[in-house]
C-alpha atoms as a PDB file:
ATOM      1  CA  MET A   1      -0.284  -0.016   0.024  1.00  0.00           C
ATOM      2  CA  PRO A   2       1.290   3.716  -0.536  1.00  0.00           C
ATOM      3  CA  ALA A   3       3.239   5.012   2.711  1.00  0.00           C
ATOM      4  CA  ALA A   4       0.862   7.628   2.672  1.00  0.00           C
ATOM      5  CA  ARG A   5      -2.333   5.568   3.569  1.00  0.00           C
ATOM      6  CA  VAL A   6      -0.195   4.249   7.064  1.00  0.00           C
ATOM      7  CA  ALA A   7       0.686   7.786   7.628  1.00  0.00           C
ATOM      8  CA  HIS A   8      -0.904   8.190  10.299  1.00  0.00           C
ATOM      9  CA  LEU A   9       0.984   4.946  12.355  1.00  0.00           C
ATOM     10  CA  PRO A  10       4.158   5.280  14.415  1.00  0.00           C
ATOM     11  CA  LEU A  11       6.006   3.047  12.141  1.00  0.00           C
ATOM     12  CA  GLN A  12       9.725   2.701  12.083  1.00  0.00           C
ATOM     13  CA  ARG A  13      11.681   2.204   8.949  1.00  0.00           C
ATOM     14  CA  ILE A  14      12.872  -1.265   9.833  1.00  0.00           C
ATOM     15  CA  ALA A  15      10.669  -4.834   9.638  1.00  0.00           C
ATOM     16  CA  ASN A  16       8.968  -5.645  12.059  1.00  0.00           C
ATOM     17  CA  SER A  17       7.075  -9.219  13.094  1.00  0.00           C
ATOM     18  CA  TRP A  18       4.235  -9.673  15.184  1.00  0.00           C
ATOM     19  CA  LEU A  19       4.317 -12.977  16.565  1.00  0.00           C
ATOM     20  CA  GLY A  20       1.205 -15.285  18.283  1.00  0.00           C
ATOM     21  CA  PRO A  21      -0.299 -18.694  18.752  1.00  0.00           C
ATOM     22  CA  GLY A  22      -0.946 -20.330  15.320  1.00  0.00           C
ATOM     23  CA  ARG A  23       0.174 -16.988  13.415  1.00  0.00           C
ATOM     24  CA  HIS A  24       2.184 -14.147  12.973  1.00  0.00           C
ATOM     25  CA  PHE A  25       2.737 -11.114  11.058  1.00  0.00           C
ATOM     26  CA  VAL A  26       5.681  -8.829   8.755  1.00  0.00           C
ATOM     27  CA  HIS A  27       5.381  -5.898   7.523  1.00  0.00           C
ATOM     28  CA  TYR A  28       8.527  -3.963   5.990  1.00  0.00           C
ATOM     29  CA  TRP A  29       8.545  -0.682   3.577  1.00  0.00           C
ATOM     30  CA  VAL A  30       9.450  -1.669  -0.159  1.00  0.00           C
ATOM     31  CA  ALA A  31      10.594   1.203  -2.881  1.00  0.00           C
ATOM     32  CA  GLY A  32      12.603   3.284  -0.434  1.00  0.00           C
ATOM     33  CA  GLY A  33       9.596   3.670   1.992  1.00  0.00           C
ATOM     34  CA  ARG A  34       6.945   4.527  -0.250  1.00  0.00           C
ATOM     35  CA  TYR A  35       4.869   1.354  -0.183  1.00  0.00           C
ATOM     36  CA  LEU A  36       4.247  -0.649   2.641  1.00  0.00           C
ATOM     37  CA  ASN A  37       3.784  -4.689   2.510  1.00  0.00           C
ATOM     38  CA  PHE A  38       2.606  -6.882   5.034  1.00  0.00           C
ATOM     39  CA  VAL A  39       2.777 -10.598   4.745  1.00  0.00           C
ATOM     40  CA  ALA A  40      -0.130 -12.333   7.469  1.00  0.00           C
ATOM     41  CA  VAL A  41       0.901 -16.190   7.594  1.00  0.00           C
ATOM     42  CA  VAL A  42      -2.543 -17.392   8.899  1.00  0.00           C
ATOM     43  CA  PRO A  43      -3.521 -21.601   9.278  1.00  0.00           C
ATOM     44  CA  ALA A  44      -4.318 -23.222   6.083  1.00  0.00           C
ATOM     45  CA  GLY A  45      -7.918 -24.141   6.922  1.00  0.00           C
ATOM     46  CA  ASP A  46      -9.654 -26.001   3.721  1.00  0.00           C
ATOM     47  CA  TRP A  47      -7.733 -23.923   1.440  1.00  0.00           C
ATOM     48  CA  ARG A  48      -5.279 -25.306  -0.698  1.00  0.00           C
ATOM     49  CA  VAL A  49      -4.763 -23.609  -3.796  1.00  0.00           C
ATOM     50  CA  GLU A  50      -0.944 -23.315  -4.884  1.00  0.00           C
ATOM     51  CA  SER A  51      -1.038 -19.454  -6.624  1.00  0.00           C
ATOM     52  CA  TRP A  52       1.212 -16.284  -6.416  1.00  0.00           C
ATOM     53  CA  SER A  53      -1.858 -14.527  -8.074  1.00  0.00           C
ATOM     54  CA  ALA A  54      -5.683 -15.111  -6.178  1.00  0.00           C
ATOM     55  CA  THR A  55      -6.728 -12.665  -4.673  1.00  0.00           C
ATOM     56  CA  GLY A  56      -8.075 -12.012  -0.905  1.00  0.00           C
ATOM     57  CA  GLU A  57      -9.959 -10.193   1.212  1.00  0.00           C
ATOM     58  CA  VAL A  58      -8.932  -7.797   3.168  1.00  0.00           C
ATOM     59  CA  ALA A  59     -11.742  -8.625   5.548  1.00  0.00           C
ATOM     60  CA  ASP A  60     -10.367 -12.002   5.801  1.00  0.00           C
ATOM     61  CA  ALA A  61      -7.511 -11.273   6.811  1.00  0.00           C
ATOM     62  CA  LEU A  62      -8.939  -8.531   9.756  1.00  0.00           C
ATOM     63  CA  ALA A  63     -10.806 -11.315  10.997  1.00  0.00           C
ATOM     64  CA  GLU A  64      -7.527 -13.393  11.058  1.00  0.00           C
ATOM     65  CA  PHE A  65      -5.865 -11.316  13.425  1.00  0.00           C
ATOM     66  CA  ALA A  66      -9.122  -9.749  15.336  1.00  0.00           C
ATOM     67  CA  GLY A  67      -7.774  -8.955  18.940  1.00  0.00           C
ATOM     68  CA  TRP A  68      -3.624  -8.402  17.711  1.00  0.00           C
ATOM     69  CA  HIS A  69      -2.776  -4.992  18.547  1.00  0.00           C
ATOM     70  CA  PRO A  70      -4.309  -2.197  17.119  1.00  0.00           C
ATOM     71  CA  THR A  71      -1.192  -1.284  14.700  1.00  0.00           C
ATOM     72  CA  VAL A  72      -1.380  -4.660  12.835  1.00  0.00           C
ATOM     73  CA  GLN A  73      -5.652  -3.960  12.844  1.00  0.00           C
ATOM     74  CA  ALA A  74      -4.761  -0.306  11.508  1.00  0.00           C
ATOM     75  CA  ILE A  75      -2.524  -1.688   8.595  1.00  0.00           C
ATOM     76  CA  ILE A  76      -4.039  -4.188   7.445  1.00  0.00           C
ATOM     77  CA  GLY A  77      -7.795  -2.256   7.508  1.00  0.00           C
ATOM     78  CA  ALA A  78      -5.241   0.377   5.142  1.00  0.00           C
ATOM     79  CA  ALA A  79      -5.028  -1.925   2.264  1.00  0.00           C
ATOM     80  CA  GLU A  80      -7.029  -1.705  -0.602  1.00  0.00           C
ATOM     81  CA  ARG A  81      -6.250  -5.521  -1.308  1.00  0.00           C
ATOM     82  CA  THR A  82      -4.853  -8.400  -0.718  1.00  0.00           C
ATOM     83  CA  HIS A  83      -3.691 -11.679  -2.432  1.00  0.00           C
ATOM     84  CA  ARG A  84      -2.990 -15.151  -1.025  1.00  0.00           C
ATOM     85  CA  TRP A  85      -0.887 -18.734  -1.307  1.00  0.00           C
ATOM     86  CA  GLY A  86      -0.647 -21.219   0.121  1.00  0.00           C
ATOM     87  CA  LEU A  87       3.089 -22.621   1.788  1.00  0.00           C
ATOM     88  CA  TYR A  88       4.200 -25.727   1.069  1.00  0.00           C
ATOM     89  CA  ASP A  89       6.982 -27.680   2.219  1.00  0.00           C
ATOM     90  CA  ARG A  90       9.336 -29.183   0.292  1.00  0.00           C
ATOM     91  CA  GLU A  91      11.796 -31.762   1.246  1.00  0.00           C
ATOM     92  CA  PRO A  92      15.471 -31.221   0.016  1.00  0.00           C
ATOM     93  CA  LEU A  93      16.557 -32.086  -2.947  1.00  0.00           C
ATOM     94  CA  THR A  94      19.998 -34.342  -3.348  1.00  0.00           C
ATOM     95  CA  THR A  95      20.920 -33.552  -6.763  1.00  0.00           C
ATOM     96  CA  TRP A  96      20.416 -30.497  -8.942  1.00  0.00           C
ATOM     97  CA  SER A  97      22.670 -31.391 -11.936  1.00  0.00           C
ATOM     98  CA  ALA A  98      22.501 -33.381 -14.971  1.00  0.00           C
ATOM     99  CA  GLY A  99      24.960 -33.331 -17.527  1.00  0.00           C
ATOM    100  CA  ARG A 100      25.676 -29.678 -18.378  1.00  0.00           C
ATOM    101  CA  VAL A 101      22.321 -28.444 -16.882  1.00  0.00           C
ATOM    102  CA  THR A 102      21.487 -27.496 -13.126  1.00  0.00           C
ATOM    103  CA  LEU A 103      18.664 -25.743 -10.948  1.00  0.00           C
ATOM    104  CA  LEU A 104      19.594 -22.736  -8.533  1.00  0.00           C
ATOM    105  CA  GLY A 105      17.085 -20.751  -6.390  1.00  0.00           C
ATOM    106  CA  ASP A 106      13.379 -22.258  -5.448  1.00  0.00           C
ATOM    107  CA  ALA A 107      13.868 -24.367  -8.206  1.00  0.00           C
ATOM    108  CA  ALA A 108      16.725 -26.367  -6.637  1.00  0.00           C
ATOM    109  CA  HIS A 109      15.765 -26.208  -2.957  1.00  0.00           C
ATOM    110  CA  ALA A 110      12.652 -24.593  -2.237  1.00  0.00           C
ATOM    111  CA  MET A 111      11.998 -23.342   1.270  1.00  0.00           C
ATOM    112  CA  LEU A 112       9.443 -22.042   3.832  1.00  0.00           C
ATOM    113  CA  PRO A 113       9.525 -17.967   3.591  1.00  0.00           C
ATOM    114  CA  PHE A 114      10.129 -17.881   7.846  1.00  0.00           C
ATOM    115  CA  MET A 115      13.906 -16.576   7.496  1.00  0.00           C
ATOM    116  CA  ALA A 116      13.049 -14.398   4.674  1.00  0.00           C
ATOM    117  CA  GLN A 117      15.795 -16.185   2.385  1.00  0.00           C
ATOM    118  CA  GLY A 118      14.324 -17.228  -1.046  1.00  0.00           C
ATOM    119  CA  ALA A 119      15.743 -14.552  -3.342  1.00  0.00           C
ATOM    120  CA  CYS A 120      18.719 -14.617  -1.028  1.00  0.00           C
ATOM    121  CA  GLN A 121      20.025 -17.876  -1.311  1.00  0.00           C
ATOM    122  CA  ALA A 122      19.281 -18.095  -5.517  1.00  0.00           C
ATOM    123  CA  ILE A 123      21.549 -14.803  -5.710  1.00  0.00           C
ATOM    124  CA  GLU A 124      24.025 -16.474  -3.383  1.00  0.00           C
ATOM    125  CA  ASP A 125      23.624 -19.663  -5.957  1.00  0.00           C
ATOM    126  CA  ALA A 126      24.301 -17.543  -8.694  1.00  0.00           C
ATOM    127  CA  ALA A 127      27.502 -15.545  -7.319  1.00  0.00           C
ATOM    128  CA  VAL A 128      28.817 -19.790  -6.335  1.00  0.00           C
ATOM    129  CA  LEU A 129      27.912 -21.028  -9.741  1.00  0.00           C
ATOM    130  CA  ALA A 130      29.723 -18.416 -11.949  1.00  0.00           C
ATOM    131  CA  ARG A 131      32.263 -18.959 -10.009  1.00  0.00           C
ATOM    132  CA  CYS A 132      32.635 -22.869 -10.604  1.00  0.00           C
ATOM    133  CA  LEU A 133      31.976 -22.352 -14.316  1.00  0.00           C
ATOM    134  CA  ALA A 134      34.618 -19.730 -14.664  1.00  0.00           C
ATOM    135  CA  ASP A 135      37.290 -22.006 -12.938  1.00  0.00           C
ATOM    136  CA  ALA A 136      36.210 -24.934 -14.948  1.00  0.00           C
ATOM    137  CA  ALA A 137      37.217 -26.060 -18.307  1.00  0.00           C
ATOM    138  CA  PRO A 138      34.675 -26.108 -21.302  1.00  0.00           C
ATOM    139  CA  ALA A 139      35.168 -29.450 -21.353  1.00  0.00           C
ATOM    140  CA  THR A 140      34.699 -30.306 -17.602  1.00  0.00           C
ATOM    141  CA  VAL A 141      31.088 -27.650 -17.133  1.00  0.00           C
ATOM    142  CA  ALA A 142      29.318 -30.755 -15.758  1.00  0.00           C
ATOM    143  CA  ASP A 143      32.275 -31.479 -13.094  1.00  0.00           C
ATOM    144  CA  GLY A 144      32.312 -27.777 -12.461  1.00  0.00           C
ATOM    145  CA  LEU A 145      28.291 -27.952 -11.876  1.00  0.00           C
ATOM    146  CA  ARG A 146      29.322 -31.102  -8.985  1.00  0.00           C
ATOM    147  CA  ARG A 147      31.545 -28.507  -7.609  1.00  0.00           C
ATOM    148  CA  TYR A 148      28.390 -26.185  -7.234  1.00  0.00           C
ATOM    149  CA  GLU A 149      26.341 -28.483  -5.515  1.00  0.00           C
ATOM    150  CA  LYS A 150      29.037 -29.530  -3.342  1.00  0.00           C
ATOM    151  CA  ILE A 151      29.367 -26.070  -1.895  1.00  0.00           C
ATOM    152  CA  ARG A 152      26.016 -24.586  -1.575  1.00  0.00           C
ATOM    153  CA  GLN A 153      23.600 -27.818  -0.178  1.00  0.00           C
ATOM    154  CA  PRO A 154      24.946 -28.184   3.125  1.00  0.00           C
ATOM    155  CA  ARG A 155      24.676 -23.898   2.964  1.00  0.00           C
ATOM    156  CA  VAL A 156      20.953 -24.259   1.697  1.00  0.00           C
ATOM    157  CA  TRP A 157      19.797 -27.283   3.714  1.00  0.00           C
ATOM    158  CA  GLN A 158      20.852 -25.590   6.931  1.00  0.00           C
ATOM    159  CA  VAL A 159      18.446 -22.619   5.915  1.00  0.00           C
ATOM    160  CA  GLN A 160      15.909 -24.845   4.984  1.00  0.00           C
ATOM    161  CA  ARG A 161      15.806 -26.512   8.115  1.00  0.00           C
ATOM    162  CA  ALA A 162      16.134 -23.392   9.818  1.00  0.00           C
ATOM    163  CA  SER A 163      12.731 -21.800   7.811  1.00  0.00           C
ATOM    164  CA  ARG A 164      10.999 -25.132   8.978  1.00  0.00           C
ATOM    165  CA  ASP A 165      12.284 -24.674  12.292  1.00  0.00           C
ATOM    166  CA  ASN A 166      10.175 -21.272  12.977  1.00  0.00           C
ATOM    167  CA  VAL A 167       7.106 -22.554  11.628  1.00  0.00           C
ATOM    168  CA  VAL A 168       6.932 -24.062  15.609  1.00  0.00           C
ATOM    169  CA  THR A 169       8.854 -21.056  17.105  1.00  0.00           C
ATOM    170  CA  TYR A 170       7.166 -18.722  15.403  1.00  0.00           C
ATOM    171  CA  HIS A 171       3.529 -20.001  16.530  1.00  0.00           C
ATOM    172  CA  LEU A 172       4.076 -20.998  19.765  1.00  0.00           C
ATOM    173  CA  PRO A 173       0.924 -21.038  21.679  1.00  0.00           C
ATOM    174  CA  ASP A 174       0.938 -18.638  25.257  1.00  0.00           C
ATOM    175  CA  GLY A 175       3.107 -20.542  28.082  1.00  0.00           C
ATOM    176  CA  ASP A 176       6.531 -21.239  28.996  1.00  0.00           C
ATOM    177  CA  ALA A 177       7.981 -21.749  25.837  1.00  0.00           C
ATOM    178  CA  GLN A 178       6.578 -18.840  24.402  1.00  0.00           C
ATOM    179  CA  ARG A 179       7.643 -16.921  27.579  1.00  0.00           C
ATOM    180  CA  ALA A 180      11.140 -18.307  27.129  1.00  0.00           C
ATOM    181  CA  ARG A 181      11.860 -17.438  23.322  1.00  0.00           C
ATOM    182  CA  ASP A 182      10.238 -13.288  23.840  1.00  0.00           C
ATOM    183  CA  ALA A 183      12.889 -13.255  26.490  1.00  0.00           C
ATOM    184  CA  ARG A 184      15.537 -14.896  23.930  1.00  0.00           C
ATOM    185  CA  TYR A 185      14.529 -12.518  21.286  1.00  0.00           C
ATOM    186  CA  ALA A 186      14.627  -9.345  23.544  1.00  0.00           C
ATOM    187  CA  ALA A 187      18.078 -10.280  25.048  1.00  0.00           C
ATOM    188  CA  LEU A 188      19.388 -10.596  21.386  1.00  0.00           C
ATOM    189  CA  MET A 189      17.487  -7.273  20.107  1.00  0.00           C
ATOM    190  CA  ALA A 190      19.298  -5.863  22.840  1.00  0.00           C
ATOM    191  CA  GLU A 191      22.964  -7.124  21.961  1.00  0.00           C
ATOM    192  CA  SER A 192      22.745  -6.902  17.785  1.00  0.00           C
ATOM    193  CA  PRO A 193      19.483  -7.905  15.751  1.00  0.00           C
ATOM    194  CA  TRP A 194      22.522  -9.630  13.823  1.00  0.00           C
ATOM    195  CA  ALA A 195      24.059 -11.365  16.823  1.00  0.00           C
ATOM    196  CA  ALA A 196      22.388 -14.885  16.613  1.00  0.00           C
ATOM    197  CA  ARG A 197      22.030 -14.898  12.914  1.00  0.00           C
ATOM    198  CA  GLY A 198      25.985 -14.177  11.870  1.00  0.00           C
ATOM    199  CA  TRP A 199      25.833 -17.562  10.253  1.00  0.00           C
ATOM    200  CA  LEU A 200      23.257 -16.233   7.835  1.00  0.00           C
ATOM    201  CA  PHE A 201      24.390 -13.170   7.019  1.00  0.00           C
ATOM    202  CA  GLY A 202      28.209 -13.521   7.036  1.00  0.00           C
ATOM    203  CA  TYR A 203      28.209 -15.694   4.163  1.00  0.00           C
ATOM    204  CA  ASP A 204      30.755 -15.094   2.118  1.00  0.00           C
ATOM    205  CA  ALA A 205      29.796 -16.537  -1.758  1.00  0.00           C
ATOM    206  CA  ASP A 206      33.201 -16.163  -3.189  1.00  0.00           C
ATOM    207  CA  ALA A 207      35.217 -17.773  -0.119  1.00  0.00           C
ATOM    208  CA  PRO A 208      33.950 -21.277  -0.966  1.00  0.00           C
ATOM    209  CA  ALA A 209      34.289 -21.394  -4.166  1.00  0.00           C
ATOM    210  CA  THR A 210      37.891 -20.882  -4.639  1.00  0.00           C
ATOM    211  CA  GLY A 211      38.696 -23.271  -2.048  1.00  0.00           C
END
């Protein structure tokens, strides 16, 4: 939605995540702050459409987050339209390449979006793949592709597992486990927002390809 539609809300210029039993809500700025995007994750119920373009209803989104913080309700209410899609988990593929053809990004390692890493891992793949092919002689492209797989698979499998784990972590019911999670997150934010994810954001896509 255009930023003007939420200008009355005290929103920081950062990404925000709201966690609750069985669902969570994320909002962040795009296009240099000209627009606000939100993603609301809720139980699927009987809805099973695998689509990126199915339309939703603002009223349905509001109902899903009834009783949540007024900021969440206000952001949803400011939207003119919504889209909806089902989230499908996939087991990791052990082989990405066949001869001189390979896969990268979601085609190779589709993952749930709970680490916000789908596009990021595709970019990392591309950087490592380019280096592996540049280092391979034309007659050994297949060897370069196998090297690319060997370098990238442990990394993307780790991210896939972390994304899957967050299905539980983000959606804990109210109780001891939820309070322990919130205390852990608060301590990490007080130390550094990146403290617990150095392994994720500190990755050098060039380093393993030259090793």
